[in-house]
């Protein structure tokens, strides 16, 4: 299995989104890689797809991120606006704010020299798929 690097990230835009960037082995400025942004649904799970308050810890987004990274993609997954470690007010956030946050994540990846900014994709579940 290839080595996976995970880095904590902080994306400052209208709010502060905190998340995890996962990079495959060898990703660098000389060897940039395509990336996926993993967008969760509207439930109050964390960036990894866990619901600690309900003691449900499937790690589904973390597992997806690691699988995609093993295939050679970087991945970015963030706590939704107003949940867990991201700032903002979740109850006052809708689709418009979700799009704003997705755009902020794309811009963040475009600035990372390990990422091929021509190949940034989004995948989502539930409301994340809508975005």
C-alpha atoms as a PDB file:
ATOM      1  CA  UNK A   1       0.000   0.000   0.000  1.00  0.00           C
ATOM      2  CA  UNK A   2       1.299   3.448  -0.920  1.00  0.00           C
ATOM      3  CA  UNK A   3       2.071   5.962   1.795  1.00  0.00           C
ATOM      4  CA  UNK A   4      -0.658   8.526   2.481  1.00  0.00           C
ATOM      5  CA  UNK A   5       0.059  11.968   3.951  1.00  0.00           C
ATOM      6  CA  UNK A   6      -2.644  13.823   5.822  1.00  0.00           C
ATOM      7  CA  UNK A   7      -2.420  17.516   6.611  1.00  0.00           C
ATOM      8  CA  UNK A   8      -4.751  19.662   8.704  1.00  0.00           C
ATOM      9  CA  UNK A   9      -5.985  22.635   6.671  1.00  0.00           C
ATOM     10  CA  UNK A  10      -7.687  25.918   7.470  1.00  0.00           C
ATOM     11  CA  UNK A  11      -9.493  27.684   4.637  1.00  0.00           C
ATOM     12  CA  UNK A  12     -10.340  31.308   5.378  1.00  0.00           C
ATOM     13  CA  UNK A  13     -13.096  32.853   3.319  1.00  0.00           C
ATOM     14  CA  UNK A  14     -16.446  34.112   4.628  1.00  0.00           C
ATOM     15  CA  UNK A  15     -16.003  31.566   7.435  1.00  0.00           C
ATOM     16  CA  UNK A  16     -13.118  29.367   8.529  1.00  0.00           C
ATOM     17  CA  UNK A  17     -13.391  25.830   7.192  1.00  0.00           C
ATOM     18  CA  UNK A  18     -11.177  23.297   8.886  1.00  0.00           C
ATOM     19  CA  UNK A  19     -10.443  20.011   7.232  1.00  0.00           C
ATOM     20  CA  UNK A  20      -8.001  17.387   6.100  1.00  0.00           C
ATOM     21  CA  UNK A  21      -5.972  17.287   2.881  1.00  0.00           C
ATOM     22  CA  UNK A  22      -4.844  13.786   1.962  1.00  0.00           C
ATOM     23  CA  UNK A  23      -1.991  13.438  -0.512  1.00  0.00           C
ATOM     24  CA  UNK A  24      -0.653  10.353  -2.250  1.00  0.00           C
ATOM     25  CA  UNK A  25       2.979   9.353  -2.060  1.00  0.00           C
ATOM     26  CA  UNK A  26       5.125  11.449  -4.382  1.00  0.00           C
ATOM     27  CA  UNK A  27       2.695  14.359  -4.786  1.00  0.00           C
ATOM     28  CA  UNK A  28       4.770  17.511  -5.224  1.00  0.00           C
ATOM     29  CA  UNK A  29       5.187  20.634  -7.326  1.00  0.00           C
ATOM     30  CA  UNK A  30       7.069  18.534  -9.892  1.00  0.00           C
ATOM     31  CA  UNK A  31       4.506  15.715  -9.725  1.00  0.00           C
ATOM     32  CA  UNK A  32       1.125  17.341  -9.130  1.00  0.00           C
ATOM     33  CA  UNK A  33      -1.948  15.135  -8.859  1.00  0.00           C
ATOM     34  CA  UNK A  34      -5.687  15.472  -9.498  1.00  0.00           C
ATOM     35  CA  UNK A  35      -7.911  16.093  -6.479  1.00  0.00           C
ATOM     36  CA  UNK A  36     -11.382  15.302  -5.173  1.00  0.00           C
ATOM     37  CA  UNK A  37     -13.313  17.445  -2.735  1.00  0.00           C
ATOM     38  CA  UNK A  38     -15.537  15.186  -0.634  1.00  0.00           C
ATOM     39  CA  UNK A  39     -18.760  16.930   0.388  1.00  0.00           C
ATOM     40  CA  UNK A  40     -20.952  15.415   3.089  1.00  0.00           C
ATOM     41  CA  UNK A  41     -24.684  15.670   3.550  1.00  0.00           C
ATOM     42  CA  UNK A  42     -26.610  18.105   5.692  1.00  0.00           C
ATOM     43  CA  UNK A  43     -26.432  15.931   8.817  1.00  0.00           C
ATOM     44  CA  UNK A  44     -24.127  17.101  11.590  1.00  0.00           C
ATOM     45  CA  UNK A  45     -21.424  14.521  10.983  1.00  0.00           C
ATOM     46  CA  UNK A  46     -17.770  15.473  10.941  1.00  0.00           C
ATOM     47  CA  UNK A  47     -15.424  15.602   7.956  1.00  0.00           C
ATOM     48  CA  UNK A  48     -14.771  11.850   8.311  1.00  0.00           C
ATOM     49  CA  UNK A  49     -18.467  10.930   8.186  1.00  0.00           C
ATOM     50  CA  UNK A  50     -18.714  10.215  11.912  1.00  0.00           C
ATOM     51  CA  UNK A  51     -21.475  11.092  14.360  1.00  0.00           C
ATOM     52  CA  UNK A  52     -19.779  10.970  17.775  1.00  0.00           C
ATOM     53  CA  UNK A  53     -22.849  12.266  19.625  1.00  0.00           C
ATOM     54  CA  UNK A  54     -24.790   9.206  18.417  1.00  0.00           C
ATOM     55  CA  UNK A  55     -21.730   6.970  18.898  1.00  0.00           C
ATOM     56  CA  UNK A  56     -21.787   6.178  15.166  1.00  0.00           C
ATOM     57  CA  UNK A  57     -18.226   6.112  13.821  1.00  0.00           C
ATOM     58  CA  UNK A  58     -18.267   4.614  10.296  1.00  0.00           C
ATOM     59  CA  UNK A  59     -15.394   6.836   9.022  1.00  0.00           C
ATOM     60  CA  UNK A  60     -17.017   6.641   5.575  1.00  0.00           C
ATOM     61  CA  UNK A  61     -15.542   9.852   4.151  1.00  0.00           C
ATOM     62  CA  UNK A  62     -12.105   9.092   5.592  1.00  0.00           C
ATOM     63  CA  UNK A  63     -12.228   5.615   4.045  1.00  0.00           C
ATOM     64  CA  UNK A  64     -13.312   7.091   0.698  1.00  0.00           C
ATOM     65  CA  UNK A  65     -10.522   9.674   0.901  1.00  0.00           C
ATOM     66  CA  UNK A  66      -7.912   7.019   1.581  1.00  0.00           C
ATOM     67  CA  UNK A  67      -9.186   4.802  -1.248  1.00  0.00           C
ATOM     68  CA  UNK A  68      -9.067   7.683  -3.736  1.00  0.00           C
ATOM     69  CA  UNK A  69      -5.603   8.633  -2.474  1.00  0.00           C
ATOM     70  CA  UNK A  70      -4.373   5.063  -3.005  1.00  0.00           C
ATOM     71  CA  UNK A  71      -5.566   5.492  -6.618  1.00  0.00           C
ATOM     72  CA  UNK A  72      -3.368   8.603  -6.975  1.00  0.00           C
ATOM     73  CA  UNK A  73      -5.799  11.427  -6.136  1.00  0.00           C
ATOM     74  CA  UNK A  74      -5.449  14.053  -3.447  1.00  0.00           C
ATOM     75  CA  UNK A  75      -8.589  14.569  -1.399  1.00  0.00           C
ATOM     76  CA  UNK A  76      -9.964  17.412   0.669  1.00  0.00           C
ATOM     77  CA  UNK A  77     -12.723  16.981   3.241  1.00  0.00           C
ATOM     78  CA  UNK A  78     -13.869  19.725   5.604  1.00  0.00           C
ATOM     79  CA  UNK A  79     -16.228  20.046   8.520  1.00  0.00           C
ATOM     80  CA  UNK A  80     -19.367  21.780   7.247  1.00  0.00           C
ATOM     81  CA  UNK A  81     -19.908  25.430   8.061  1.00  0.00           C
ATOM     82  CA  UNK A  82     -20.921  25.788  11.683  1.00  0.00           C
ATOM     83  CA  UNK A  83     -20.131  22.199  12.673  1.00  0.00           C
ATOM     84  CA  UNK A  84     -17.266  20.618  14.545  1.00  0.00           C
ATOM     85  CA  UNK A  85     -14.118  22.699  13.943  1.00  0.00           C
ATOM     86  CA  UNK A  86     -15.437  25.021  11.202  1.00  0.00           C
ATOM     87  CA  UNK A  87     -16.851  28.440  12.066  1.00  0.00           C
ATOM     88  CA  UNK A  88     -20.174  29.921  11.016  1.00  0.00           C
ATOM     89  CA  UNK A  89     -23.785  29.144  11.794  1.00  0.00           C
ATOM     90  CA  UNK A  90     -25.048  25.864  10.419  1.00  0.00           C
ATOM     91  CA  UNK A  91     -28.722  26.662  11.046  1.00  0.00           C
ATOM     92  CA  UNK A  92     -28.437  29.828   8.935  1.00  0.00           C
ATOM     93  CA  UNK A  93     -26.630  28.053   6.097  1.00  0.00           C
ATOM     94  CA  UNK A  94     -28.264  26.704   2.980  1.00  0.00           C
ATOM     95  CA  UNK A  95     -27.335  25.783  -0.550  1.00  0.00           C
ATOM     96  CA  UNK A  96     -25.912  29.253  -1.334  1.00  0.00           C
ATOM     97  CA  UNK A  97     -23.485  29.024   1.605  1.00  0.00           C
ATOM     98  CA  UNK A  98     -22.637  25.446   0.649  1.00  0.00           C
ATOM     99  CA  UNK A  99     -21.692  26.602  -2.849  1.00  0.00           C
ATOM    100  CA  UNK A 100     -19.597  29.431  -1.357  1.00  0.00           C
ATOM    101  CA  UNK A 101     -17.744  26.914   0.793  1.00  0.00           C
ATOM    102  CA  UNK A 102     -17.204  24.557  -2.148  1.00  0.00           C
ATOM    103  CA  UNK A 103     -15.783  27.440  -4.215  1.00  0.00           C
ATOM    104  CA  UNK A 104     -13.458  28.343  -1.317  1.00  0.00           C
ATOM    105  CA  UNK A 105     -12.217  24.744  -1.242  1.00  0.00           C
ATOM    106  CA  UNK A 106     -11.588  24.744  -5.003  1.00  0.00           C
ATOM    107  CA  UNK A 107      -9.619  27.997  -4.697  1.00  0.00           C
ATOM    108  CA  UNK A 108      -7.603  26.506  -1.832  1.00  0.00           C
ATOM    109  CA  UNK A 109      -6.660  23.483  -3.942  1.00  0.00           C
ATOM    110  CA  UNK A 110      -5.827  25.678  -6.952  1.00  0.00           C
ATOM    111  CA  UNK A 111      -3.155  27.386  -4.817  1.00  0.00           C
ATOM    112  CA  UNK A 112      -1.560  24.112  -3.682  1.00  0.00           C
ATOM    113  CA  UNK A 113       1.383  23.299  -5.946  1.00  0.00           C
ATOM    114  CA  UNK A 114       0.967  19.547  -5.367  1.00  0.00           C
ATOM    115  CA  UNK A 115      -2.463  19.697  -7.047  1.00  0.00           C
ATOM    116  CA  UNK A 116      -3.150  19.747 -10.794  1.00  0.00           C
ATOM    117  CA  UNK A 117      -5.524  22.712 -10.776  1.00  0.00           C
ATOM    118  CA  UNK A 118      -6.985  21.599 -14.142  1.00  0.00           C
ATOM    119  CA  UNK A 119      -8.252  18.376 -12.541  1.00  0.00           C
ATOM    120  CA  UNK A 120     -10.214  19.256  -9.402  1.00  0.00           C
ATOM    121  CA  UNK A 121     -13.423  17.284  -8.945  1.00  0.00           C
ATOM    122  CA  UNK A 122     -16.170  17.238  -6.334  1.00  0.00           C
ATOM    123  CA  UNK A 123     -18.083  14.226  -5.093  1.00  0.00           C
ATOM    124  CA  UNK A 124     -20.823  14.355  -2.549  1.00  0.00           C
ATOM    125  CA  UNK A 125     -23.437  12.544  -0.563  1.00  0.00           C
ATOM    126  CA  UNK A 126     -26.977  13.848   0.007  1.00  0.00           C
ATOM    127  CA  UNK A 127     -26.822  17.669   0.014  1.00  0.00           C
ATOM    128  CA  UNK A 128     -23.122  17.381  -0.877  1.00  0.00           C
ATOM    129  CA  UNK A 129     -24.144  15.732  -4.160  1.00  0.00           C
ATOM    130  CA  UNK A 130     -26.504  18.628  -4.881  1.00  0.00           C
ATOM    131  CA  UNK A 131     -23.664  21.088  -4.412  1.00  0.00           C
END
